[in-house]
PDB file of N, CA and C in Angstrom:
ATOM      1  N   MET A   1     -41.509  29.721 -39.281  1.00  0.00           N
ATOM      2  CA  MET A   1     -41.435  30.192 -38.038  1.00  0.00           C
ATOM      3  C   MET A   1     -39.893  30.621 -37.467  1.00  0.00           C
ATOM      4  N   THR A   2     -39.034  30.073 -38.066  1.00  0.00           N
ATOM      5  CA  THR A   2     -37.733  30.255 -37.748  1.00  0.00           C
ATOM      6  C   THR A   2     -37.356  31.729 -38.494  1.00  0.00           C
ATOM      7  N   ALA A   3     -37.968  31.854 -39.303  1.00  0.00           N
ATOM      8  CA  ALA A   3     -37.460  33.500 -40.023  1.00  0.00           C
ATOM      9  C   ALA A   3     -38.224  34.328 -39.202  1.00  0.00           C
ATOM     10  N   LEU A   4     -39.303  34.380 -38.426  1.00  0.00           N
ATOM     11  CA  LEU A   4     -39.732  35.115 -37.439  1.00  0.00           C
ATOM     12  C   LEU A   4     -38.778  35.532 -36.260  1.00  0.00           C
ATOM     13  N   ALA A   5     -38.116  34.459 -35.775  1.00  0.00           N
ATOM     14  CA  ALA A   5     -37.064  34.278 -34.811  1.00  0.00           C
ATOM     15  C   ALA A   5     -36.137  35.166 -35.142  1.00  0.00           C
ATOM     16  N   LEU A   6     -35.560  35.250 -36.394  1.00  0.00           N
ATOM     17  CA  LEU A   6     -34.413  35.980 -36.962  1.00  0.00           C
ATOM     18  C   LEU A   6     -34.983  37.647 -37.419  1.00  0.00           C
ATOM     19  N   LEU A   7     -36.170  37.721 -37.965  1.00  0.00           N
ATOM     20  CA  LEU A   7     -36.698  38.983 -38.285  1.00  0.00           C
ATOM     21  C   LEU A   7     -37.177  40.044 -37.197  1.00  0.00           C
ATOM     22  N   VAL A   8     -37.702  39.343 -36.260  1.00  0.00           N
ATOM     23  CA  VAL A   8     -38.272  40.272 -35.191  1.00  0.00           C
ATOM     24  C   VAL A   8     -37.297  41.184 -34.346  1.00  0.00           C
ATOM     25  N   PRO A   9     -36.044  40.356 -33.920  1.00  0.00           N
ATOM     26  CA  PRO A   9     -35.040  41.001 -33.331  1.00  0.00           C
ATOM     27  C   PRO A   9     -34.290  41.860 -34.177  1.00  0.00           C
ATOM     28  N   LEU A  10     -34.173  41.438 -35.469  1.00  0.00           N
ATOM     29  CA  LEU A  10     -33.438  42.309 -36.349  1.00  0.00           C
ATOM     30  C   LEU A  10     -34.214  43.649 -36.510  1.00  0.00           C
ATOM     31  N   ALA A  11     -35.630  43.694 -36.729  1.00  0.00           N
ATOM     32  CA  ALA A  11     -36.320  44.853 -36.745  1.00  0.00           C
ATOM     33  C   ALA A  11     -36.252  45.773 -35.406  1.00  0.00           C
ATOM     34  N   PHE A  12     -36.289  45.000 -34.386  1.00  0.00           N
ATOM     35  CA  PHE A  12     -36.091  45.958 -32.832  1.00  0.00           C
ATOM     36  C   PHE A  12     -34.859  46.655 -33.198  1.00  0.00           C
ATOM     37  N   GLY A  13     -33.711  45.721 -33.503  1.00  0.00           N
ATOM     38  CA  GLY A  13     -32.184  46.109 -33.327  1.00  0.00           C
ATOM     39  C   GLY A  13     -32.178  47.471 -34.350  1.00  0.00           C
ATOM     40  N   LEU A  14     -32.669  47.526 -35.407  1.00  0.00           N
ATOM     41  CA  LEU A  14     -32.655  48.349 -36.543  1.00  0.00           C
ATOM     42  C   LEU A  14     -33.362  49.654 -36.104  1.00  0.00           C
ATOM     43  N   GLY A  15     -34.564  49.534 -35.433  1.00  0.00           N
ATOM     44  CA  GLY A  15     -35.481  50.633 -34.659  1.00  0.00           C
ATOM     45  C   GLY A  15     -34.671  51.166 -33.595  1.00  0.00           C
ATOM     46  N   ILE A  16     -33.797  50.420 -32.764  1.00  0.00           N
ATOM     47  CA  ILE A  16     -33.163  51.186 -31.720  1.00  0.00           C
ATOM     48  C   ILE A  16     -31.952  51.810 -32.393  1.00  0.00           C
ATOM     49  N   LEU A  17     -31.321  51.381 -33.374  1.00  0.00           N
ATOM     50  CA  LEU A  17     -30.103  51.952 -34.019  1.00  0.00           C
ATOM     51  C   LEU A  17     -30.727  53.178 -34.571  1.00  0.00           C
ATOM     52  N   ALA A  18     -31.667  53.346 -35.131  1.00  0.00           N
ATOM     53  CA  ALA A  18     -32.302  54.490 -35.789  1.00  0.00           C
ATOM     54  C   ALA A  18     -32.591  55.617 -34.631  1.00  0.00           C
ATOM     55  N   LEU A  19     -33.148  54.987 -33.577  1.00  0.00           N
ATOM     56  CA  LEU A  19     -33.415  56.093 -32.622  1.00  0.00           C
ATOM     57  C   LEU A  19     -32.210  56.707 -32.105  1.00  0.00           C
ATOM     58  N   LEU A  20     -31.180  55.775 -31.984  1.00  0.00           N
ATOM     59  CA  LEU A  20     -29.839  56.446 -31.446  1.00  0.00           C
ATOM     60  C   LEU A  20     -29.371  57.458 -32.329  1.00  0.00           C
ATOM     61  N   PHE A  21     -29.340  57.140 -33.696  1.00  0.00           N
ATOM     62  CA  PHE A  21     -28.859  58.054 -34.669  1.00  0.00           C
ATOM     63  C   PHE A  21     -29.538  59.452 -34.407  1.00  0.00           C
ATOM     64  N   PHE A  22     -31.099  59.259 -34.518  1.00  0.00           N
ATOM     65  CA  PHE A  22     -31.879  60.537 -34.411  1.00  0.00           C
ATOM     66  C   PHE A  22     -31.361  61.141 -33.088  1.00  0.00           C
ATOM     67  N   GLY A  23     -31.034  60.768 -32.069  1.00  0.00           N
ATOM     68  CA  GLY A  23     -30.444  61.419 -30.960  1.00  0.00           C
ATOM     69  C   GLY A  23     -29.100  61.877 -31.153  1.00  0.00           C
ATOM     70  N   TRP A  24     -28.408  61.190 -32.091  1.00  0.00           N
ATOM     71  CA  TRP A  24     -26.893  61.904 -32.076  1.00  0.00           C
ATOM     72  C   TRP A  24     -27.105  63.113 -32.896  1.00  0.00           C
ATOM     73  N   THR A  25     -28.074  63.069 -34.017  1.00  0.00           N
ATOM     74  CA  THR A  25     -28.143  64.251 -34.805  1.00  0.00           C
ATOM     75  C   THR A  25     -28.821  65.471 -33.963  1.00  0.00           C
ATOM     76  N   LEU A  26     -29.708  65.132 -32.966  1.00  0.00           N
ATOM     77  CA  LEU A  26     -30.280  66.310 -32.425  1.00  0.00           C
ATOM     78  C   LEU A  26     -29.268  66.907 -31.403  1.00  0.00           C
ATOM     79  N   ARG A  27     -28.392  65.993 -30.646  1.00  0.00           N
ATOM     80  CA  ARG A  27     -27.452  66.761 -29.836  1.00  0.00           C
ATOM     81  C   ARG A  27     -26.423  67.322 -30.765  1.00  0.00           C
ATOM     82  N   ASN A  28     -26.004  66.942 -31.820  1.00  0.00           N
ATOM     83  CA  ASN A  28     -25.099  67.780 -32.987  1.00  0.00           C
ATOM     84  C   ASN A  28     -25.652  68.992 -33.505  1.00  0.00           C
ATOM     85  N   GLY A  29     -26.962  69.428 -33.148  1.00  0.00           N
ATOM     86  CA  GLY A  29     -27.626  70.654 -33.895  1.00  0.00           C
ATOM     87  C   GLY A  29     -28.117  70.692 -35.389  1.00  0.00           C
ATOM     88  N   GLN A  30     -28.404  69.413 -35.817  1.00  0.00           N
ATOM     89  CA  GLN A  30     -28.642  69.025 -37.209  1.00  0.00           C
ATOM     90  C   GLN A  30     -30.224  70.041 -37.471  1.00  0.00           C
ATOM     91  N   TYR A  31     -30.950  70.149 -36.501  1.00  0.00           N
ATOM     92  CA  TYR A  31     -32.268  70.673 -36.669  1.00  0.00           C
ATOM     93  C   TYR A  31     -32.412  72.189 -36.176  1.00  0.00           C
ATOM     94  N   ASP A  32     -31.265  72.745 -35.707  1.00  0.00           N
ATOM     95  CA  ASP A  32     -31.431  74.138 -35.033  1.00  0.00           C
ATOM     96  C   ASP A  32     -31.980  75.250 -35.838  1.00  0.00           C
ATOM     97  N   ASP A  33     -31.773  75.182 -37.068  1.00  0.00           N
ATOM     98  CA  ASP A  33     -32.008  76.296 -38.045  1.00  0.00           C
ATOM     99  C   ASP A  33     -32.925  75.794 -39.476  1.00  0.00           C
ATOM    100  N   PRO A  34     -34.072  75.107 -39.256  1.00  0.00           N
ATOM    101  CA  PRO A  34     -34.505  74.457 -40.331  1.00  0.00           C
ATOM    102  C   PRO A  34     -34.945  75.642 -41.580  1.00  0.00           C
ATOM    103  N   ASP A  35     -35.300  76.756 -41.053  1.00  0.00           N
ATOM    104  CA  ASP A  35     -35.952  77.899 -42.014  1.00  0.00           C
ATOM    105  C   ASP A  35     -34.670  78.622 -42.674  1.00  0.00           C
ATOM    106  N   GLY A  36     -33.598  78.454 -42.231  1.00  0.00           N
ATOM    107  CA  GLY A  36     -32.358  79.388 -42.765  1.00  0.00           C
ATOM    108  C   GLY A  36     -32.085  79.262 -44.119  1.00  0.00           C
ATOM    109  N   ALA A  37     -31.945  77.898 -44.680  1.00  0.00           N
ATOM    110  CA  ALA A  37     -31.834  77.707 -46.150  1.00  0.00           C
ATOM    111  C   ALA A  37     -32.710  78.234 -46.914  1.00  0.00           C
ATOM    112  N   ALA A  38     -34.101  77.959 -46.341  1.00  0.00           N
ATOM    113  CA  ALA A  38     -35.264  78.532 -47.248  1.00  0.00           C
ATOM    114  C   ALA A  38     -35.195  79.989 -47.252  1.00  0.00           C
ATOM    115  N   SER A  39     -34.583  80.687 -46.357  1.00  0.00           N
ATOM    116  CA  SER A  39     -35.066  82.293 -46.381  1.00  0.00           C
ATOM    117  C   SER A  39     -33.570  82.901 -47.054  1.00  0.00           C
ATOM    118  N   ARG A  40     -32.620  81.985 -47.000  1.00  0.00           N
ATOM    119  CA  ARG A  40     -31.391  82.369 -47.504  1.00  0.00           C
ATOM    120  C   ARG A  40     -31.380  82.634 -48.890  1.00  0.00           C
ATOM    121  N   ILE A  41     -32.095  82.003 -49.811  1.00  0.00           N
ATOM    122  CA  ILE A  41     -32.254  81.676 -50.984  1.00  0.00           C
ATOM    123  C   ILE A  41     -32.817  83.195 -51.635  1.00  0.00           C
ATOM    124  N   LEU A  42     -33.646  83.755 -50.866  1.00  0.00           N
ATOM    125  CA  LEU A  42     -34.521  84.863 -51.092  1.00  0.00           C
ATOM    126  C   LEU A  42     -33.483  86.131 -51.104  1.00  0.00           C
ATOM    127  N   PHE A  43     -32.568  86.122 -50.475  1.00  0.00           N
ATOM    128  CA  PHE A  43     -31.879  87.531 -50.505  1.00  0.00           C
ATOM    129  C   PHE A  43     -30.387  87.313 -51.250  1.00  0.00           C
ATOM    130  N   ASP A  44     -30.197  88.476 -51.842  1.00  0.00           N
ATOM    131  CA  ASP A  44     -28.837  88.435 -52.373  1.00  0.00           C
ATOM    132  C   ASP A  44     -27.969  88.782 -51.686  1.00  0.00           C
ATOM    133  N   GLU A  45     -26.636  88.153 -51.631  1.00  0.00           N
ATOM    134  CA  GLU A  45     -25.445  88.525 -50.653  1.00  0.00           C
ATOM    135  C   GLU A  45     -24.621  89.696 -51.584  1.00  0.00           C
ATOM    136  N   THR A  46     -23.968  90.500 -50.801  1.00  0.00           N
ATOM    137  CA  THR A  46     -23.309  91.355 -51.598  1.00  0.00           C
ATOM    138  C   THR A  46     -21.893  90.837 -51.671  1.00  0.00           C
ATOM    139  N   ARG A  47     -21.354  90.607 -52.712  1.00  0.00           N
ATOM    140  CA  ARG A  47     -19.741  90.220 -52.919  1.00  0.00           C
ATOM    141  C   ARG A  47     -18.809  91.214 -52.747  1.00  0.00           C
ATOM    142  N   GLU A  48     -17.676  90.983 -52.254  1.00  0.00           N
ATOM    143  CA  GLU A  48     -16.758  91.909 -52.467  1.00  0.00           C
ATOM    144  C   GLU A  48     -15.719  91.995 -53.700  1.00  0.00           C
ATOM    145  N   ASN A  49     -15.804  90.711 -53.949  1.00  0.00           N
ATOM    146  CA  ASN A  49     -14.880  90.442 -55.305  1.00  0.00           C
ATOM    147  C   ASN A  49     -16.119  89.652 -56.176  1.00  0.00           C
ATOM    148  N   PRO A  50     -16.582  90.364 -57.318  1.00  0.00           N
ATOM    149  CA  PRO A  50     -17.331  89.690 -58.256  1.00  0.00           C
ATOM    150  C   PRO A  50     -16.570  88.530 -59.052  1.00  0.00           C
ATOM    151  N   PRO A  51     -17.515  87.505 -59.628  1.00  0.00           N
ATOM    152  CA  PRO A  51     -16.652  86.330 -60.179  1.00  0.00           C
ATOM    153  C   PRO A  51     -16.103  86.927 -61.384  1.00  0.00           C
ATOM    154  N   CYS A  52     -15.107  86.246 -61.893  1.00  0.00           N
ATOM    155  CA  CYS A  52     -14.457  86.771 -63.090  1.00  0.00           C
ATOM    156  C   CYS A  52     -15.170  86.375 -64.287  1.00  0.00           C
ATOM    157  N   LYS A  53     -15.105  86.992 -65.226  1.00  0.00           N
ATOM    158  CA  LYS A  53     -15.808  86.712 -66.633  1.00  0.00           C
ATOM    159  C   LYS A  53     -14.898  85.834 -67.394  1.00  0.00           C
ATOM    160  N   PRO A  54     -15.391  84.764 -67.973  1.00  0.00           N
ATOM    161  CA  PRO A  54     -14.427  83.850 -68.573  1.00  0.00           C
ATOM    162  C   PRO A  54     -13.971  84.513 -69.863  1.00  0.00           C
ATOM    163  N   LYS A  55     -12.588  84.369 -70.539  1.00  0.00           N
ATOM    164  CA  LYS A  55     -12.303  84.958 -71.724  1.00  0.00           C
ATOM    165  C   LYS A  55     -13.011  84.357 -72.837  1.00  0.00           C
ATOM    166  N   PRO A  56     -13.161  85.197 -73.938  1.00  0.00           N
ATOM    167  CA  PRO A  56     -13.873  84.526 -75.048  1.00  0.00           C
ATOM    168  C   PRO A  56     -12.906  83.725 -75.877  1.00  0.00           C
ATOM    169  N   SER A  57     -13.673  82.557 -76.271  1.00  0.00           N
ATOM    170  CA  SER A  57     -12.853  81.530 -77.120  1.00  0.00           C
ATOM    171  C   SER A  57     -12.718  81.975 -78.543  1.00  0.00           C
ATOM    172  N   ARG A  58     -11.655  81.509 -79.201  1.00  0.00           N
ATOM    173  CA  ARG A  58     -11.399  82.222 -80.698  1.00  0.00           C
ATOM    174  C   ARG A  58     -11.990  80.851 -81.410  1.00  0.00           C
TER     175      ARG A  58
END
């Protein structure tokens, strides 16, 4: 029974901490563009300077 006296408040505290962290991520704009990265992979970007080719090893 003494374990419940410790674990129940600990569980509530971790739940409150998770909700606060979720609210912080919402305010910082973490979820503003969820489809951006998924659609960005489908299109090629034009590069002004193409990557250099490595020199052949001898």
